[in-house]
Amino acid sequence: MKNKEIYLEVKLKEINRDIMKLKVKKRLLCKQLTDFKKTELSTLKKETKKDLAMIESIYLLKNNPNRLFSSKEICQYLKNEINYNTDSFASIYKRIHYFEPRISQVRRGYYIYKSEFLSRE
């Protein structure tokens, strides 16, 4: 009876020690995972959002040809659609105009997509 009690106590101590080792490993892995997620998402997220904002802006302007949009309207559209906050559309416009030359600035703060019909006249 005494031997069995000693055996069970030793076994319990071993299991507790193994549990502690596993908890330490778990904590380490969780920390590594969160660090990895932070570095991966922070480097990609900003560029991807900017590219997505550019694509959404082109989509908006192309689907409404010959309609004049203010920069505030476009910024509000980007905020509603993809949750992209920006004060100025000008920085996005510089990139857009490079890829889609038919999108042009009419006057300060107003942009339009000129369809082929208008550009021939």
Foldseek 3Di string as FASTA:
>chain_A
DVVVVVVVVVVVVVVVVVVVVVVVVVVVVVVVVVVVCVVVCVVPVVVVLLVVLLVVLVVVQVVPAPDKDFQVRSQVVSCVPPNDHDDGCVVSVVVNCVVQVQWDAPDPRIIHRHDPVVVVD
